[in-house]
Amino acid sequence: AGAIALVAITILMTILYGIGGLTSSVSLFIYVIASLLVFNMMNGEYGPDTIAANIISIGMGVDSVIISFERMKDEMKKGKSLSKSFDEGNTKSLSSILDANITTLIAAFALYMFGTRTVKGFAIMLIISIFLTMVIMVVFNKFIVGLLCKSRVFQDKKHWFGIRKKDIPETN
């Protein structure tokens, strides 16, 4: 189910956000592999609880990307350059992303402190995943997408980032 979801997310992200969505999907695959590797290094036991935490975290990683891209598209619709839209979109999305991850982290710590063995497994995987979401999906992915947005190659190709040509004002 997780593999099917990853493929579906990749297709949807590429359709909605173009090259940025494709880049984010690659980051998402790296994220999933990294979270499984970290859990393996901790000698964690896989079960429905830990797999559920990983799937939930995939959703959180995708959510962070969607929030950023939607803010970026809002800025492009105002006529701003791709580079400026990227910067302002990420600035405007960061507090929402941090809030969601911090509140989930607090809940995960509470689950770990008061939960049974399986709930603790869920909480540990969720904590690992939240930290990896911040590192891979927020820092690494934004760095890579930022390189694309700031390169001269895409400055006149905003539509490659999922915005319809009719929504792009004539002025930059």
C-alpha atoms as a PDB file:
ATOM      1  CA  ALA A   1       0.000   0.000   0.000  1.00  0.00           C
ATOM      2  CA  GLY A   2       2.860   2.356   0.824  1.00  0.00           C
ATOM      3  CA  ALA A   3       4.577   1.724  -2.521  1.00  0.00           C
ATOM      4  CA  ILE A   4       1.331   2.317  -4.405  1.00  0.00           C
ATOM      5  CA  ALA A   5       0.783   5.522  -2.437  1.00  0.00           C
ATOM      6  CA  LEU A   6       4.308   6.733  -3.275  1.00  0.00           C
ATOM      7  CA  VAL A   7       3.743   6.136  -6.992  1.00  0.00           C
ATOM      8  CA  ALA A   8       0.353   7.875  -6.865  1.00  0.00           C
ATOM      9  CA  ILE A   9       1.876  10.809  -4.953  1.00  0.00           C
ATOM     10  CA  THR A  10       4.690  11.084  -7.503  1.00  0.00           C
ATOM     11  CA  ILE A  11       2.232  11.205 -10.387  1.00  0.00           C
ATOM     12  CA  LEU A  12      -0.032  13.718  -8.662  1.00  0.00           C
ATOM     13  CA  MET A  13       2.843  15.951  -7.517  1.00  0.00           C
ATOM     14  CA  THR A  14       4.326  15.990 -11.016  1.00  0.00           C
ATOM     15  CA  ILE A  15       0.972  16.882 -12.560  1.00  0.00           C
ATOM     16  CA  LEU A  16       0.235  19.639 -10.027  1.00  0.00           C
ATOM     17  CA  TYR A  17       3.714  21.119  -9.535  1.00  0.00           C
ATOM     18  CA  GLY A  18       5.670  20.120 -12.626  1.00  0.00           C
ATOM     19  CA  ILE A  19       9.413  19.853 -12.275  1.00  0.00           C
ATOM     20  CA  GLY A  20       9.215  20.999  -8.665  1.00  0.00           C
ATOM     21  CA  GLY A  21       6.794  18.169  -7.914  1.00  0.00           C
ATOM     22  CA  LEU A  22       9.057  15.653  -9.624  1.00  0.00           C
ATOM     23  CA  THR A  23      12.043  16.904  -7.620  1.00  0.00           C
ATOM     24  CA  SER A  24       9.983  16.730  -4.430  1.00  0.00           C
ATOM     25  CA  SER A  25       8.967  13.169  -5.254  1.00  0.00           C
ATOM     26  CA  VAL A  26      12.624  12.165  -5.534  1.00  0.00           C
ATOM     27  CA  SER A  27      13.206  13.804  -2.141  1.00  0.00           C
ATOM     28  CA  LEU A  28      10.225  11.860  -0.799  1.00  0.00           C
ATOM     29  CA  PHE A  29      11.739   8.555  -1.940  1.00  0.00           C
ATOM     30  CA  ILE A  30      15.025   9.530  -0.267  1.00  0.00           C
ATOM     31  CA  TYR A  31      13.069  10.418   2.864  1.00  0.00           C
ATOM     32  CA  VAL A  32      11.301   7.045   2.997  1.00  0.00           C
ATOM     33  CA  ILE A  33      14.564   5.143   2.531  1.00  0.00           C
ATOM     34  CA  ALA A  34      16.310   7.279   5.172  1.00  0.00           C
ATOM     35  CA  SER A  35      13.533   6.766   7.725  1.00  0.00           C
ATOM     36  CA  LEU A  36      13.614   3.004   7.199  1.00  0.00           C
ATOM     37  CA  LEU A  37      17.417   2.969   7.454  1.00  0.00           C
ATOM     38  CA  VAL A  38      17.413   4.950  10.706  1.00  0.00           C
ATOM     39  CA  PHE A  39      14.748   2.695  12.188  1.00  0.00           C
ATOM     40  CA  ASN A  40      16.776  -0.368  11.123  1.00  0.00           C
ATOM     41  CA  MET A  41      19.941   1.077  12.687  1.00  0.00           C
ATOM     42  CA  MET A  42      18.001   1.413  15.952  1.00  0.00           C
ATOM     43  CA  ASN A  43      17.036  -2.274  15.652  1.00  0.00           C
ATOM     44  CA  GLY A  44      13.382  -1.249  15.604  1.00  0.00           C
ATOM     45  CA  GLU A  45      10.690  -3.856  15.130  1.00  0.00           C
ATOM     46  CA  TYR A  46       8.383  -3.379  12.192  1.00  0.00           C
ATOM     47  CA  GLY A  47       4.708  -3.845  12.761  1.00  0.00           C
ATOM     48  CA  PRO A  48       1.449  -2.209  11.776  1.00  0.00           C
ATOM     49  CA  ASP A  49       2.158   0.582  14.278  1.00  0.00           C
ATOM     50  CA  THR A  50       5.537   1.594  12.863  1.00  0.00           C
ATOM     51  CA  ILE A  51       4.379   1.238   9.268  1.00  0.00           C
ATOM     52  CA  ALA A  52       1.366   3.435  10.057  1.00  0.00           C
ATOM     53  CA  ALA A  53       3.673   6.072  11.557  1.00  0.00           C
ATOM     54  CA  ASN A  54       5.814   5.988   8.433  1.00  0.00           C
ATOM     55  CA  ILE A  55       2.778   6.388   6.147  1.00  0.00           C
ATOM     56  CA  ILE A  56       1.463   9.274   8.252  1.00  0.00           C
ATOM     57  CA  SER A  57       4.881  10.915   8.034  1.00  0.00           C
ATOM     58  CA  ILE A  58       4.914  10.569   4.263  1.00  0.00           C
ATOM     59  CA  GLY A  59       1.693  12.563   4.290  1.00  0.00           C
ATOM     60  CA  MET A  60       3.311  15.204   6.482  1.00  0.00           C
ATOM     61  CA  GLY A  61       6.290  15.442   4.128  1.00  0.00           C
ATOM     62  CA  VAL A  62       4.000  15.833   1.132  1.00  0.00           C
ATOM     63  CA  ASP A  63       1.945  18.387   3.052  1.00  0.00           C
ATOM     64  CA  SER A  64       5.042  20.521   3.659  1.00  0.00           C
ATOM     65  CA  VAL A  65       5.835  20.480  -0.053  1.00  0.00           C
ATOM     66  CA  ILE A  66       2.262  21.324  -1.057  1.00  0.00           C
ATOM     67  CA  ILE A  67       2.085  24.242   1.358  1.00  0.00           C
ATOM     68  CA  SER A  68       5.340  25.647  -0.042  1.00  0.00           C
ATOM     69  CA  PHE A  69       4.357  25.191  -3.686  1.00  0.00           C
ATOM     70  CA  GLU A  70       0.926  26.701  -3.204  1.00  0.00           C
ATOM     71  CA  ARG A  71       2.438  29.783  -1.558  1.00  0.00           C
ATOM     72  CA  MET A  72       4.955  29.963  -4.394  1.00  0.00           C
ATOM     73  CA  LYS A  73       2.164  29.744  -6.983  1.00  0.00           C
ATOM     74  CA  ASP A  74       0.288  32.529  -5.161  1.00  0.00           C
ATOM     75  CA  GLU A  75       3.341  34.751  -5.526  1.00  0.00           C
ATOM     76  CA  MET A  76       3.737  33.895  -9.226  1.00  0.00           C
ATOM     77  CA  LYS A  77       0.093  34.827  -9.790  1.00  0.00           C
ATOM     78  CA  LYS A  78       0.964  38.260  -8.413  1.00  0.00           C
ATOM     79  CA  GLY A  79       3.473  38.653 -11.236  1.00  0.00           C
ATOM     80  CA  LYS A  80       6.656  38.030  -9.268  1.00  0.00           C
ATOM     81  CA  SER A  81       9.655  36.298 -10.771  1.00  0.00           C
ATOM     82  CA  LEU A  82      10.168  32.596 -10.196  1.00  0.00           C
ATOM     83  CA  SER A  83      13.102  33.244  -7.878  1.00  0.00           C
ATOM     84  CA  LYS A  84      11.234  35.866  -5.839  1.00  0.00           C
ATOM     85  CA  SER A  85       8.113  33.658  -5.730  1.00  0.00           C
ATOM     86  CA  PHE A  86      10.197  30.787  -4.388  1.00  0.00           C
ATOM     87  CA  ASP A  87      11.749  32.937  -1.659  1.00  0.00           C
ATOM     88  CA  GLU A  88       8.493  34.535  -0.545  1.00  0.00           C
ATOM     89  CA  GLY A  89       6.482  31.328  -0.843  1.00  0.00           C
ATOM     90  CA  ASN A  90       8.920  29.497   1.399  1.00  0.00           C
ATOM     91  CA  THR A  91       9.020  32.339   3.895  1.00  0.00           C
ATOM     92  CA  LYS A  92       5.227  32.370   4.105  1.00  0.00           C
ATOM     93  CA  SER A  93       4.938  28.589   4.389  1.00  0.00           C
ATOM     94  CA  LEU A  94       7.653  27.936   6.966  1.00  0.00           C
ATOM     95  CA  SER A  95       5.626  28.825  10.067  1.00  0.00           C
ATOM     96  CA  SER A  96       2.759  26.513   9.045  1.00  0.00           C
ATOM     97  CA  ILE A  97       5.163  23.665   8.371  1.00  0.00           C
ATOM     98  CA  LEU A  98       6.989  24.172  11.670  1.00  0.00           C
ATOM     99  CA  ASP A  99       3.720  24.410  13.620  1.00  0.00           C
ATOM    100  CA  ALA A 100       2.415  21.142  12.156  1.00  0.00           C
ATOM    101  CA  ASN A 101       5.655  19.278  12.819  1.00  0.00           C
ATOM    102  CA  ILE A 102       6.177  20.656  16.335  1.00  0.00           C
ATOM    103  CA  THR A 103       2.638  19.845  17.461  1.00  0.00           C
ATOM    104  CA  THR A 104       2.945  16.331  16.026  1.00  0.00           C
ATOM    105  CA  LEU A 105       6.307  15.956  17.760  1.00  0.00           C
ATOM    106  CA  ILE A 106       4.734  16.940  21.100  1.00  0.00           C
ATOM    107  CA  ALA A 107       1.974  14.375  20.555  1.00  0.00           C
ATOM    108  CA  ALA A 108       4.557  11.720  19.638  1.00  0.00           C
ATOM    109  CA  PHE A 109       6.526  12.378  22.834  1.00  0.00           C
ATOM    110  CA  ALA A 110       3.316  12.118  24.875  1.00  0.00           C
ATOM    111  CA  LEU A 111       2.463   8.829  23.161  1.00  0.00           C
ATOM    112  CA  TYR A 112       5.931   7.526  23.935  1.00  0.00           C
ATOM    113  CA  MET A 113       5.777   8.557  27.586  1.00  0.00           C
ATOM    114  CA  PHE A 114       2.319   7.145  28.303  1.00  0.00           C
ATOM    115  CA  GLY A 115       1.861   4.453  25.683  1.00  0.00           C
ATOM    116  CA  THR A 116       2.161   0.706  25.661  1.00  0.00           C
ATOM    117  CA  ARG A 117       4.855  -1.139  23.718  1.00  0.00           C
ATOM    118  CA  THR A 118       3.161  -0.855  20.311  1.00  0.00           C
ATOM    119  CA  VAL A 119       2.217   2.772  20.904  1.00  0.00           C
ATOM    120  CA  LYS A 120       5.860   3.484  21.806  1.00  0.00           C
ATOM    121  CA  GLY A 121       6.956   1.891  18.517  1.00  0.00           C
ATOM    122  CA  PHE A 122       4.525   4.150  16.676  1.00  0.00           C
ATOM    123  CA  ALA A 123       5.818   7.167  18.604  1.00  0.00           C
ATOM    124  CA  ILE A 124       9.487   6.377  17.939  1.00  0.00           C
ATOM    125  CA  MET A 125       8.909   5.973  14.208  1.00  0.00           C
ATOM    126  CA  LEU A 126       6.870   9.184  14.184  1.00  0.00           C
ATOM    127  CA  ILE A 127       9.640  11.106  15.987  1.00  0.00           C
ATOM    128  CA  ILE A 128      12.282   9.801  13.579  1.00  0.00           C
ATOM    129  CA  SER A 129      10.078  10.654  10.636  1.00  0.00           C
ATOM    130  CA  ILE A 130       9.365  14.189  11.828  1.00  0.00           C
ATOM    131  CA  PHE A 131      13.055  14.963  12.168  1.00  0.00           C
ATOM    132  CA  LEU A 132      13.759  13.481   8.744  1.00  0.00           C
ATOM    133  CA  THR A 133      10.846  15.419   7.274  1.00  0.00           C
ATOM    134  CA  MET A 134      12.421  18.634   8.486  1.00  0.00           C
ATOM    135  CA  VAL A 135      15.878  17.721   7.188  1.00  0.00           C
ATOM    136  CA  ILE A 136      15.015  16.100   3.860  1.00  0.00           C
ATOM    137  CA  MET A 137      11.665  17.550   2.810  1.00  0.00           C
ATOM    138  CA  VAL A 138      12.085  21.046   4.218  1.00  0.00           C
ATOM    139  CA  VAL A 139      15.834  21.761   4.051  1.00  0.00           C
ATOM    140  CA  PHE A 140      17.200  19.461   1.318  1.00  0.00           C
ATOM    141  CA  ASN A 141      14.190  19.593  -1.005  1.00  0.00           C
ATOM    142  CA  LYS A 142      13.856  23.363  -0.710  1.00  0.00           C
ATOM    143  CA  PHE A 143      17.562  23.681  -1.483  1.00  0.00           C
ATOM    144  CA  ILE A 144      17.214  21.613  -4.681  1.00  0.00           C
ATOM    145  CA  VAL A 145      13.994  23.321  -5.803  1.00  0.00           C
ATOM    146  CA  GLY A 146      15.617  26.667  -4.949  1.00  0.00           C
ATOM    147  CA  LEU A 147      18.502  25.873  -7.286  1.00  0.00           C
ATOM    148  CA  LEU A 148      16.011  25.177 -10.065  1.00  0.00           C
ATOM    149  CA  CYS A 149      13.992  28.333  -9.361  1.00  0.00           C
ATOM    150  CA  LYS A 150      17.038  30.564  -9.202  1.00  0.00           C
ATOM    151  CA  SER A 151      18.681  29.144 -12.321  1.00  0.00           C
ATOM    152  CA  ARG A 152      18.264  31.136 -15.487  1.00  0.00           C
ATOM    153  CA  VAL A 153      16.957  28.035 -17.256  1.00  0.00           C
ATOM    154  CA  PHE A 154      13.481  28.242 -15.716  1.00  0.00           C
ATOM    155  CA  GLN A 155      12.945  31.988 -15.254  1.00  0.00           C
ATOM    156  CA  ASP A 156      10.684  32.187 -18.292  1.00  0.00           C
ATOM    157  CA  LYS A 157       9.148  28.781 -17.694  1.00  0.00           C
ATOM    158  CA  LYS A 158       6.961  29.327 -14.628  1.00  0.00           C
ATOM    159  CA  HIS A 159       4.431  26.929 -16.101  1.00  0.00           C
ATOM    160  CA  TRP A 160       6.963  24.141 -15.494  1.00  0.00           C
ATOM    161  CA  PHE A 161       6.224  24.627 -11.781  1.00  0.00           C
ATOM    162  CA  GLY A 162       2.529  23.875 -12.061  1.00  0.00           C
ATOM    163  CA  ILE A 163       1.068  27.301 -12.672  1.00  0.00           C
ATOM    164  CA  ARG A 164      -1.180  27.632 -15.691  1.00  0.00           C
ATOM    165  CA  LYS A 165       0.051  30.056 -18.347  1.00  0.00           C
ATOM    166  CA  LYS A 166      -3.231  31.960 -18.206  1.00  0.00           C
ATOM    167  CA  ASP A 167      -2.665  32.648 -14.472  1.00  0.00           C
ATOM    168  CA  ILE A 168       0.742  34.240 -15.047  1.00  0.00           C
ATOM    169  CA  PRO A 169       0.521  38.021 -15.479  1.00  0.00           C
ATOM    170  CA  GLU A 170       2.403  39.520 -18.394  1.00  0.00           C
ATOM    171  CA  THR A 171       4.715  41.552 -16.137  1.00  0.00           C
ATOM    172  CA  ASN A 172       7.533  40.009 -14.120  1.00  0.00           C
END
